[in-house]
N, C-alpha and C. Protein backbone atom coordinates (compact mmCIF):
# COMPACT_ATOMS: atom_id res chain seq x y z
N MET A 1 118.88 160.31 88.41
CA MET A 1 118.55 160.43 89.71
C MET A 1 117.90 159.16 90.09
N ARG A 2 117.42 158.32 89.12
CA ARG A 2 116.69 156.92 89.47
C ARG A 2 118.09 155.93 89.86
N TYR A 3 119.14 155.93 88.89
CA TYR A 3 120.23 155.29 89.27
C TYR A 3 120.50 155.07 90.73
N THR A 4 120.66 156.76 91.10
CA THR A 4 121.18 157.07 92.50
C THR A 4 120.35 156.35 93.48
N LEU A 5 118.86 156.74 93.19
CA LEU A 5 118.15 156.20 93.97
C LEU A 5 117.96 154.46 94.35
N LEU A 6 118.25 153.78 93.22
CA LEU A 6 118.07 152.56 93.11
C LEU A 6 119.30 151.92 94.10
N VAL A 7 120.65 152.72 93.75
CA VAL A 7 121.82 152.13 94.54
C VAL A 7 121.69 152.49 95.94
N PHE A 8 121.02 153.79 96.34
CA PHE A 8 120.68 153.76 97.53
C PHE A 8 119.84 152.79 98.23
N LEU A 9 118.85 152.53 97.62
CA LEU A 9 117.88 151.40 98.44
C LEU A 9 118.34 150.16 98.22
N LEU A 10 119.24 149.64 97.19
CA LEU A 10 119.84 148.33 97.03
C LEU A 10 120.83 148.31 98.64
N LEU A 11 121.65 149.30 98.68
CA LEU A 11 122.53 149.56 99.47
C LEU A 11 122.06 149.57 101.08
N THR A 12 120.78 150.29 101.26
CA THR A 12 120.08 150.31 102.51
C THR A 12 119.65 148.98 102.64
N GLY A 13 118.92 148.32 101.89
CA GLY A 13 118.36 147.10 102.11
C GLY A 13 119.59 145.79 102.56
N TRP A 14 120.77 145.99 101.75
CA TRP A 14 121.76 145.16 102.23
C TRP A 14 122.25 145.25 103.63
N LEU A 15 122.33 146.52 104.06
CA LEU A 15 122.93 146.82 105.29
C LEU A 15 121.93 146.57 106.26
N ALA A 16 120.51 146.48 106.10
CA ALA A 16 119.60 146.51 106.84
C ALA A 16 119.40 144.72 107.15
N CYS A 17 119.73 143.91 106.34
CA CYS A 17 119.54 142.54 106.22
C CYS A 17 120.89 141.75 106.66
N LYS A 18 121.93 142.72 107.01
CA LYS A 18 123.08 142.35 107.22
C LYS A 18 122.92 141.69 108.72
N THR A 19 123.13 140.54 109.34
CA THR A 19 123.04 140.07 110.89
C THR A 19 124.47 140.15 111.23
N HIS A 20 124.44 140.66 112.46
CA HIS A 20 125.55 140.60 113.60
C HIS A 20 125.37 139.95 114.63
N SER A 21 126.51 139.08 114.49
CA SER A 21 126.16 138.10 116.05
C SER A 21 126.51 138.87 117.00
N SER A 22 125.42 138.32 117.94
CA SER A 22 125.41 138.72 119.48
C SER A 22 126.18 138.25 120.32
N LEU A 23 126.84 136.96 120.00
CA LEU A 23 127.76 136.08 120.62
C LEU A 23 129.34 136.63 120.85
N PRO A 24 129.60 136.51 121.89
CA PRO A 24 130.97 137.09 121.97
C PRO A 24 132.13 136.06 121.32
N ALA A 25 132.99 136.69 120.73
CA ALA A 25 134.25 136.07 119.96
C ALA A 25 134.50 134.95 120.62
N GLY A 26 134.66 133.70 120.15
CA GLY A 26 135.37 132.63 120.60
C GLY A 26 134.39 131.46 121.30
N CYS A 27 132.91 131.98 121.55
CA CYS A 27 132.05 131.06 121.63
C CYS A 27 131.38 130.28 120.87
N GLU A 28 132.00 129.52 120.39
CA GLU A 28 131.56 128.50 119.35
C GLU A 28 130.81 127.31 119.46
N THR A 29 131.27 126.69 120.54
CA THR A 29 130.56 125.44 120.79
C THR A 29 129.31 125.52 121.53
N SER A 30 128.24 124.85 120.96
CA SER A 30 126.99 124.80 121.51
C SER A 30 126.50 123.66 122.06
N GLY A 31 125.59 123.78 123.30
CA GLY A 31 125.34 122.77 124.15
C GLY A 31 124.03 122.95 124.89
N ARG A 32 123.65 121.97 125.59
CA ARG A 32 122.46 122.36 126.34
C ARG A 32 122.71 121.87 127.83
N VAL A 33 122.28 122.67 128.76
CA VAL A 33 122.42 122.32 130.23
C VAL A 33 121.26 121.53 130.79
N THR A 34 122.09 120.39 131.22
CA THR A 34 120.75 119.54 131.80
C THR A 34 121.00 119.27 133.22
N ASP A 35 120.00 119.10 133.91
CA ASP A 35 120.20 118.79 135.27
C ASP A 35 120.30 117.08 135.59
N PHE A 36 121.53 116.61 136.06
CA PHE A 36 121.53 115.44 136.24
C PHE A 36 121.59 115.04 137.94
N SER A 37 121.19 115.89 139.03
CA SER A 37 120.84 116.01 140.01
C SER A 37 120.47 114.56 140.87
N ASP A 38 119.61 113.90 139.77
CA ASP A 38 118.99 112.58 140.69
C ASP A 38 120.22 111.34 140.46
N LEU A 39 121.30 111.83 139.89
CA LEU A 39 122.19 110.88 139.90
C LEU A 39 123.35 111.18 140.90
N ASP A 40 123.76 110.57 141.72
CA ASP A 40 124.84 110.39 143.07
C ASP A 40 125.99 111.40 142.39
N GLY A 41 126.28 112.59 143.14
CA GLY A 41 127.25 113.38 142.97
C GLY A 41 127.17 114.38 141.74
N CYS A 42 126.00 114.30 141.14
CA CYS A 42 125.96 115.15 139.96
C CYS A 42 125.03 116.22 139.92
N GLY A 43 125.15 117.21 139.07
CA GLY A 43 124.60 118.63 139.16
C GLY A 43 124.24 118.90 137.73
N LEU A 44 124.30 120.18 137.42
CA LEU A 44 123.93 120.58 136.24
C LEU A 44 125.08 120.18 135.27
N LEU A 45 125.07 119.46 134.14
CA LEU A 45 126.10 119.13 133.22
C LEU A 45 125.94 119.91 131.76
N ILE A 46 126.67 119.86 130.97
CA ILE A 46 126.42 120.40 129.49
C ILE A 46 126.52 119.29 128.73
N ILE A 47 125.36 118.94 127.92
CA ILE A 47 125.30 118.10 126.83
C ILE A 47 125.64 118.73 125.45
N LEU A 48 126.89 118.13 124.60
CA LEU A 48 127.35 118.56 123.63
C LEU A 48 126.17 118.21 122.35
N ASP A 49 126.30 118.47 121.15
CA ASP A 49 125.75 118.04 120.15
C ASP A 49 126.07 116.67 119.60
N ASN A 50 127.26 116.71 119.98
CA ASN A 50 128.09 115.20 119.71
C ASN A 50 127.79 114.22 120.68
N GLY A 51 126.97 114.67 121.86
CA GLY A 51 126.58 113.66 122.70
C GLY A 51 127.94 113.44 123.87
N GLU A 52 128.74 114.41 123.94
CA GLU A 52 129.57 114.20 125.01
C GLU A 52 128.93 115.27 126.20
N VAL A 53 129.42 114.75 127.51
CA VAL A 53 128.78 115.33 128.91
C VAL A 53 129.93 116.11 129.54
N LEU A 54 129.98 117.42 129.06
CA LEU A 54 130.94 118.35 130.22
C LEU A 54 130.43 118.68 131.73
N ASN A 55 131.42 118.48 132.61
CA ASN A 55 131.03 119.07 133.95
C ASN A 55 131.55 120.33 134.27
N PRO A 56 130.96 121.50 134.20
CA PRO A 56 131.52 122.70 134.21
C PRO A 56 131.95 123.13 135.58
N VAL A 57 133.12 123.03 135.95
CA VAL A 57 133.44 123.25 137.16
C VAL A 57 134.12 124.69 137.40
N VAL A 58 134.16 125.57 136.60
CA VAL A 58 134.52 126.72 136.69
C VAL A 58 133.48 127.31 135.69
N VAL A 59 132.83 128.39 136.10
CA VAL A 59 131.71 128.97 135.11
C VAL A 59 132.32 130.68 135.46
N PRO A 60 132.26 131.52 134.32
CA PRO A 60 132.40 132.82 134.72
C PRO A 60 131.74 133.59 135.37
N ALA A 61 131.92 134.30 136.43
CA ALA A 61 131.00 135.05 137.35
C ALA A 61 130.20 136.05 136.67
N GLY A 62 128.83 135.99 137.29
CA GLY A 62 128.06 136.88 136.76
C GLY A 62 127.05 135.86 135.55
N PHE A 63 127.44 134.59 135.49
CA PHE A 63 126.47 133.54 134.68
C PHE A 63 126.24 132.52 135.64
N THR A 64 124.69 132.43 135.68
CA THR A 64 123.94 131.25 136.24
C THR A 64 123.61 130.26 135.21
N LEU A 65 123.99 129.09 135.44
CA LEU A 65 123.61 128.12 134.58
C LEU A 65 122.47 127.60 135.14
N LYS A 66 121.43 127.16 134.14
CA LYS A 66 119.98 126.67 134.46
C LYS A 66 119.55 125.56 133.82
N ASP A 67 119.03 124.50 134.08
CA ASP A 67 118.36 123.63 133.57
C ASP A 67 117.50 123.72 132.33
N GLY A 68 118.18 123.37 130.92
CA GLY A 68 117.26 123.47 130.04
C GLY A 68 117.75 124.80 128.99
N GLN A 69 118.71 125.26 129.60
CA GLN A 69 119.55 126.31 128.41
C GLN A 69 119.96 126.07 127.40
N ASN A 70 119.76 126.69 126.54
CA ASN A 70 120.81 126.18 125.54
C ASN A 70 122.04 127.14 125.34
N ILE A 71 123.16 127.13 125.14
CA ILE A 71 124.30 127.86 125.37
C ILE A 71 125.20 127.61 124.28
N SER A 72 125.80 128.94 124.09
CA SER A 72 126.92 128.98 123.17
C SER A 72 128.08 129.23 123.89
N PHE A 73 129.46 128.41 124.14
CA PHE A 73 130.23 128.77 124.77
C PHE A 73 131.61 128.19 124.26
N SER A 74 132.94 128.26 125.06
CA SER A 74 134.37 127.72 124.75
C SER A 74 134.76 127.21 126.14
N PHE A 75 135.62 126.38 126.06
CA PHE A 75 135.93 125.83 127.38
C PHE A 75 137.50 125.37 127.37
N LYS A 76 137.90 125.06 128.30
CA LYS A 76 139.37 124.34 128.35
C LYS A 76 138.91 123.01 129.38
N LYS A 77 139.43 122.06 128.77
CA LYS A 77 139.57 120.56 129.67
C LYS A 77 140.37 120.86 131.03
N LEU A 78 139.85 120.52 132.01
CA LEU A 78 141.11 120.27 133.33
C LEU A 78 141.38 119.24 133.36
N ALA A 79 142.69 118.92 134.28
CA ALA A 79 143.20 117.61 134.21
C ALA A 79 142.33 116.95 135.02
N GLN A 80 142.11 115.55 134.76
CA GLN A 80 141.11 114.78 135.65
C GLN A 80 141.63 114.87 137.06
N GLN A 81 140.34 115.22 137.77
CA GLN A 81 140.21 115.38 139.29
C GLN A 81 139.48 114.16 139.49
N ALA A 82 139.28 113.80 141.07
CA ALA A 82 138.30 112.84 141.42
C ALA A 82 137.06 113.60 141.07
N SER A 83 136.13 112.71 140.61
CA SER A 83 135.08 113.21 140.54
C SER A 83 133.65 112.11 141.14
N THR A 84 132.61 112.58 141.82
CA THR A 84 131.79 111.68 142.32
C THR A 84 130.56 111.28 141.29
N CYS A 85 130.49 112.25 140.16
CA CYS A 85 129.63 112.25 139.11
C CYS A 85 130.41 111.26 138.33
N MET A 86 129.95 110.32 137.92
CA MET A 86 130.24 109.33 136.80
C MET A 86 129.70 109.39 135.42
N LYS A 87 128.69 110.53 135.39
CA LYS A 87 128.18 110.54 133.87
C LYS A 87 128.85 111.56 133.06
N GLU A 88 130.14 112.53 133.63
CA GLU A 88 130.61 113.35 132.78
C GLU A 88 131.75 112.52 131.87
N ASP A 89 132.22 113.30 130.75
CA ASP A 89 133.19 112.99 130.00
C ASP A 89 134.54 113.67 130.49
N TYR A 90 134.27 114.77 130.78
CA TYR A 90 135.27 115.87 131.02
C TYR A 90 135.03 116.98 132.18
N GLN A 91 136.01 117.33 132.72
CA GLN A 91 135.49 118.38 133.53
C GLN A 91 136.14 119.78 133.03
N VAL A 92 135.45 121.10 132.75
CA VAL A 92 135.87 122.08 132.25
C VAL A 92 135.88 122.98 132.98
N GLU A 93 136.87 124.34 132.23
CA GLU A 93 136.45 125.60 132.78
C GLU A 93 135.78 126.04 131.46
N ILE A 94 134.49 127.02 131.75
CA ILE A 94 134.09 127.52 130.90
C ILE A 94 134.75 128.77 130.53
N THR A 95 135.39 129.19 129.29
CA THR A 95 135.96 130.72 129.28
C THR A 95 135.06 131.82 128.63
N CYS A 96 133.98 131.28 128.10
CA CYS A 96 133.07 132.02 127.46
C CYS A 96 131.99 131.49 127.17
N ILE A 97 130.56 132.37 127.70
CA ILE A 97 129.60 131.62 127.51
C ILE A 97 128.22 132.68 127.15
N ALA A 98 127.18 132.04 126.46
CA ALA A 98 126.24 133.00 126.09
C ALA A 98 125.00 132.27 125.86
N ARG A 99 123.71 132.53 126.28
CA ARG A 99 122.40 132.14 125.95
C ARG A 99 122.45 132.12 124.55
N VAL A 100 121.59 130.97 124.04
CA VAL A 100 121.21 131.03 122.69
C VAL A 100 119.80 130.88 122.70
N GLY A 101 119.01 131.35 121.54
CA GLY A 101 117.45 131.38 121.58
C GLY A 101 116.66 131.64 122.71
N SER A 102 115.50 131.49 122.62
CA SER A 102 114.39 132.07 123.57
C SER A 102 114.56 131.24 124.75
N ASN A 103 115.10 129.67 124.58
CA ASN A 103 115.02 128.88 126.19
C ASN A 103 115.97 129.35 126.73
N THR A 104 115.83 130.15 127.93
CA THR A 104 116.91 130.70 128.76
C THR A 104 116.98 129.83 130.27
N GLY A 105 116.30 128.87 130.17
CA GLY A 105 116.41 128.03 131.39
C GLY A 105 114.83 127.66 131.81
N GLY A 106 114.81 127.21 132.91
CA GLY A 106 113.76 126.61 133.59
C GLY A 106 112.93 125.40 132.83
N GLN A 107 111.87 125.60 132.58
CA GLN A 107 111.06 124.41 132.07
C GLN A 107 111.37 124.02 130.56
N ALA A 108 111.81 122.94 130.12
CA ALA A 108 112.20 122.72 128.48
C ALA A 108 110.76 122.33 128.16
N PRO A 109 110.40 122.62 126.94
CA PRO A 109 109.10 122.14 126.14
C PRO A 109 108.72 120.50 126.19
N CYS A 110 107.44 120.51 126.23
CA CYS A 110 107.19 119.05 126.40
C CYS A 110 107.34 118.48 125.05
N THR A 111 107.62 117.03 125.21
CA THR A 111 107.80 116.35 124.06
C THR A 111 106.78 115.11 123.84
N ASP A 112 105.94 115.13 122.93
CA ASP A 112 105.15 114.14 122.19
C ASP A 112 106.03 113.40 121.34
N THR A 113 106.33 112.27 121.56
CA THR A 113 107.12 111.48 120.38
C THR A 113 106.79 110.02 120.58
N ASP A 114 106.67 109.12 119.43
CA ASP A 114 106.93 107.65 119.40
C ASP A 114 108.15 107.38 118.99
N ASN A 115 109.10 108.14 118.76
CA ASN A 115 110.50 107.76 118.51
C ASN A 115 111.60 108.39 119.64
N PRO A 116 112.12 107.81 120.54
CA PRO A 116 112.62 108.01 121.59
C PRO A 116 114.09 108.70 121.43
N PHE A 117 114.54 107.96 120.03
CA PHE A 117 115.89 108.49 119.90
C PHE A 117 115.79 109.85 119.22
N GLU A 118 114.81 110.27 118.98
CA GLU A 118 114.51 111.77 118.14
C GLU A 118 114.85 112.75 119.17
N VAL A 119 114.55 112.46 120.34
CA VAL A 119 114.75 113.56 121.62
C VAL A 119 115.88 113.21 122.30
N GLU A 120 116.71 114.22 122.32
CA GLU A 120 117.98 114.33 123.19
C GLU A 120 118.12 113.83 124.30
N TRP A 121 117.20 114.30 125.38
CA TRP A 121 116.79 113.72 126.75
C TRP A 121 116.51 112.15 126.54
N MET A 122 115.76 112.05 125.96
CA MET A 122 115.36 110.59 125.96
C MET A 122 116.58 109.73 125.27
N ASP A 123 117.20 110.16 124.28
CA ASP A 123 118.21 109.39 123.95
C ASP A 123 119.38 109.42 125.28
N HIS A 124 119.74 109.97 126.14
CA HIS A 124 120.51 110.17 127.10
C HIS A 124 119.94 109.48 128.15
N ALA A 125 118.60 109.23 128.36
CA ALA A 125 117.76 108.53 129.15
C ALA A 125 118.48 106.95 128.77
N ILE A 126 118.19 106.65 127.63
CA ILE A 126 118.27 105.35 127.03
C ILE A 126 119.82 104.86 127.58
N ASP A 127 120.61 105.63 127.36
CA ASP A 127 121.95 105.58 127.61
C ASP A 127 122.14 105.07 129.28
N LEU A 128 121.64 105.96 129.91
CA LEU A 128 121.94 106.12 131.00
C LEU A 128 121.24 104.69 131.92
N HIS A 129 119.74 104.61 131.65
CA HIS A 129 119.11 103.68 132.44
C HIS A 129 119.11 102.03 131.68
N ASN A 130 119.51 102.08 130.56
CA ASN A 130 119.69 100.88 129.66
C ASN A 130 118.30 100.10 129.64
N PRO A 131 117.41 100.79 129.51
CA PRO A 131 115.78 99.84 129.35
C PRO A 131 115.42 99.06 128.33
N ASN A 132 114.61 98.12 128.82
CA ASN A 132 114.01 97.01 127.92
C ASN A 132 113.03 97.30 127.27
N GLN A 133 112.28 98.34 127.63
CA GLN A 133 110.95 99.08 127.06
C GLN A 133 110.58 100.48 127.29
N ILE A 134 109.80 101.27 126.78
CA ILE A 134 109.51 102.50 127.04
C ILE A 134 108.32 102.59 126.75
N LEU A 135 107.24 103.11 127.86
CA LEU A 135 106.05 103.27 127.72
C LEU A 135 105.92 104.84 127.70
N LYS A 136 104.42 105.13 126.99
CA LYS A 136 104.50 106.53 126.95
C LYS A 136 102.73 107.07 127.46
N TYR A 137 102.76 107.56 128.30
CA TYR A 137 101.01 107.78 129.09
C TYR A 137 100.56 109.07 128.67
N LYS A 138 99.72 109.37 128.83
CA LYS A 138 99.03 110.53 128.09
C LYS A 138 98.27 110.87 129.67
N ARG A 139 98.58 112.51 129.84
CA ARG A 139 98.31 113.30 131.01
C ARG A 139 98.00 114.33 130.72
N ASP A 140 97.17 115.24 131.71
CA ASP A 140 96.54 116.35 131.48
C ASP A 140 97.37 117.38 131.41
N ASP A 141 98.94 117.50 131.70
CA ASP A 141 99.84 118.26 131.53
C ASP A 141 100.68 117.87 130.26
N GLY A 142 100.27 116.88 129.31
CA GLY A 142 101.30 116.42 128.28
C GLY A 142 101.50 115.00 128.66
N TRP A 143 102.65 114.40 128.52
CA TRP A 143 102.89 113.33 128.64
C TRP A 143 103.98 112.75 129.60
N ALA A 144 103.87 111.19 129.82
CA ALA A 144 104.76 110.77 130.97
C ALA A 144 105.47 109.35 130.16
N TYR A 145 106.73 109.17 130.48
CA TYR A 145 107.45 108.08 129.65
C TYR A 145 108.04 107.19 130.86
N LEU A 146 107.78 106.05 130.55
CA LEU A 146 108.18 105.06 131.65
C LEU A 146 109.35 104.11 130.88
N PHE A 147 110.71 104.45 131.63
CA PHE A 147 111.48 103.66 131.08
C PHE A 147 111.80 102.36 131.76
N HIS A 148 111.00 101.07 131.34
CA HIS A 148 111.33 100.06 132.19
C HIS A 148 112.77 99.40 132.10
N SER A 149 113.43 99.17 133.08
CA SER A 149 114.62 98.58 133.14
C SER A 149 114.74 97.68 134.54
N PHE A 150 115.84 96.95 134.65
CA PHE A 150 115.97 95.78 135.82
C PHE A 150 117.07 96.51 136.54
N PRO A 151 116.67 96.69 137.93
CA PRO A 151 115.66 96.39 138.62
C PRO A 151 114.83 97.45 138.72
N LYS A 152 115.34 98.46 138.25
CA LYS A 152 114.22 99.69 138.47
C LYS A 152 113.80 100.16 137.35
N SER A 153 112.84 100.86 137.41
CA SER A 153 112.11 101.69 136.15
C SER A 153 112.28 103.22 136.55
N PHE A 154 112.33 104.08 135.44
CA PHE A 154 112.51 105.16 135.88
C PHE A 154 111.20 106.07 134.86
N LEU A 155 110.39 107.00 135.79
CA LEU A 155 109.40 107.92 135.06
C LEU A 155 109.56 109.51 134.89
N TYR A 156 109.69 109.66 133.75
CA TYR A 156 110.01 111.02 133.27
C TYR A 156 108.64 111.64 132.82
N HIS A 157 108.67 113.01 133.07
CA HIS A 157 107.79 114.08 132.81
C HIS A 157 108.19 114.25 131.03
N CYS A 158 107.54 114.74 130.43
CA CYS A 158 107.67 115.05 128.66
C CYS A 158 108.73 116.02 128.74
N THR A 159 109.12 117.00 129.70
CA THR A 159 110.10 117.80 129.39
C THR A 159 111.44 117.29 129.85
N GLY A 160 111.43 116.02 130.48
CA GLY A 160 112.92 115.39 130.60
C GLY A 160 113.02 115.25 132.01
N LYS A 161 112.28 116.25 132.91
CA LYS A 161 112.65 115.86 134.39
C LYS A 161 112.25 114.51 135.03
N LEU A 162 113.31 113.94 135.40
CA LEU A 162 112.70 112.65 136.22
C LEU A 162 111.94 112.80 137.47
N ILE A 163 110.68 112.10 137.44
CA ILE A 163 109.62 111.91 138.09
C ILE A 163 110.19 111.24 139.42
N CYS A 164 110.41 110.12 139.24
CA CYS A 164 110.87 109.10 140.30
C CYS A 164 111.62 107.85 139.76
N SER A 165 111.80 106.97 140.39
CA SER A 165 112.28 105.71 140.21
C SER A 165 111.20 104.73 140.67
N THR A 166 111.39 103.61 140.15
CA THR A 166 110.06 102.63 140.77
C THR A 166 110.58 101.62 140.60
N ASN A 167 110.06 100.32 141.52
CA ASN A 167 110.62 99.09 141.61
C ASN A 167 109.38 98.22 140.84
N ASN A 168 108.10 98.59 140.59
CA ASN A 168 107.29 98.09 140.11
C ASN A 168 106.18 98.77 139.67
N ASP A 169 105.44 98.31 138.69
CA ASP A 169 104.05 99.18 138.58
C ASP A 169 103.04 99.82 139.43
N HIS A 170 103.08 98.86 140.81
CA HIS A 170 102.33 99.07 141.95
C HIS A 170 102.86 100.21 142.57
N ASP A 171 104.12 100.51 142.59
CA ASP A 171 104.67 101.36 143.49
C ASP A 171 103.94 102.90 143.47
N PRO A 172 103.82 103.54 144.79
CA PRO A 172 103.46 104.50 144.69
C PRO A 172 103.61 105.85 143.74
N CYS A 173 105.12 105.80 143.86
CA CYS A 173 105.89 106.52 143.06
C CYS A 173 105.02 106.60 141.44
N PHE A 174 104.67 105.45 141.08
CA PHE A 174 104.10 105.44 139.95
C PHE A 174 102.59 105.53 139.52
N THR A 175 101.79 104.86 140.65
CA THR A 175 100.34 104.90 140.56
C THR A 175 100.07 106.43 141.00
N ASP A 176 100.61 107.01 141.85
CA ASP A 176 100.50 108.53 142.00
C ASP A 176 100.43 109.47 140.71
N TYR A 177 101.39 109.32 140.07
CA TYR A 177 101.61 110.20 138.89
C TYR A 177 100.69 109.44 137.64
N ILE A 178 100.84 108.38 137.30
CA ILE A 178 100.06 107.53 136.28
C ILE A 178 98.44 107.46 136.46
N GLY A 179 98.35 106.45 137.88
CA GLY A 179 97.25 105.77 138.03
C GLY A 179 97.30 104.32 137.95
N SER A 180 96.34 103.89 137.18
CA SER A 180 96.68 102.68 136.79
C SER A 180 97.67 102.17 135.91
N PRO A 181 98.38 100.83 136.01
CA PRO A 181 99.34 100.80 134.97
C PRO A 181 98.91 100.16 133.65
N GLY A 182 97.93 100.13 133.47
CA GLY A 182 97.42 99.92 132.17
C GLY A 182 97.42 101.18 131.25
N GLY A 183 97.08 101.25 130.19
CA GLY A 183 96.79 102.38 129.23
C GLY A 183 98.17 102.98 128.51
N GLY A 184 99.28 102.39 128.86
CA GLY A 184 100.69 103.33 128.35
C GLY A 184 100.96 102.55 126.82
N LYS A 185 101.21 103.47 126.33
CA LYS A 185 101.60 102.77 124.68
C LYS A 185 102.96 102.38 124.68
N ILE A 186 103.57 101.14 123.94
CA ILE A 186 104.59 100.90 123.93
C ILE A 186 105.51 101.57 122.83
N ILE A 187 106.60 102.46 122.81
CA ILE A 187 107.02 103.28 121.83
C ILE A 187 108.39 102.71 121.47
N TRP A 188 108.76 101.85 122.47
CA TRP A 188 110.28 101.47 122.05
C TRP A 188 110.24 99.87 122.95
N GLN A 189 111.00 98.98 122.14
CA GLN A 189 111.13 97.68 122.66
C GLN A 189 112.58 97.08 122.50
N GLY A 190 113.10 96.81 123.26
CA GLY A 190 114.51 96.32 122.87
C GLY A 190 114.66 95.58 124.04
N GLU A 191 116.26 94.98 123.90
CA GLU A 191 116.69 93.91 124.76
C GLU A 191 117.46 94.59 125.93
N GLY A 192 117.76 95.66 126.11
CA GLY A 192 118.15 96.37 127.37
C GLY A 192 119.68 96.03 127.54
N VAL A 193 120.42 95.99 126.42
CA VAL A 193 121.53 95.52 126.25
C VAL A 193 122.26 96.61 125.20
N TRP A 194 123.10 97.64 125.79
CA TRP A 194 123.80 98.66 125.18
C TRP A 194 125.03 98.78 125.26
N ASP A 195 126.25 98.77 124.34
CA ASP A 195 127.21 98.73 124.61
C ASP A 195 128.14 100.06 123.93
């Protein structure tokens, strides 16, 4: 009797712990939906873990992409067509897609970091803007990051949302959001040349 009960309990525990994937078969590529509408001709793009950027030209009916979504999906590369967005590596048709995790879109979490290369959106902003300096500013709602570039600089909220681009530290875009130009902490200093 004890042996039967032990086998029953072990079998029940094993079956209870067995996880079943809720992702559809074939949705094996992971990525994050990111809003690049601040760039001419761009919109919602998908950034893969390896850094490639996909433009989802065709998305399955019933699924709405939202900025900040973590997704698992599969895709087919489309023949290169003329595109006004110069950020993408490929235009794709999404053949399978599912949300992953609790971040189903909307606002991404606020990032407090002194190493911009550890944060995906900051790493991409470095590639995009080619800054020579990044400053961090404390705000009531978190942090703001200024990517000093030439001739423009770019001010981001800690969630990765671009607030504005500015020509100098006294531009209303900057002063309305940060206040006085002083008080920022330099978290990265570079030469501004990235190949």
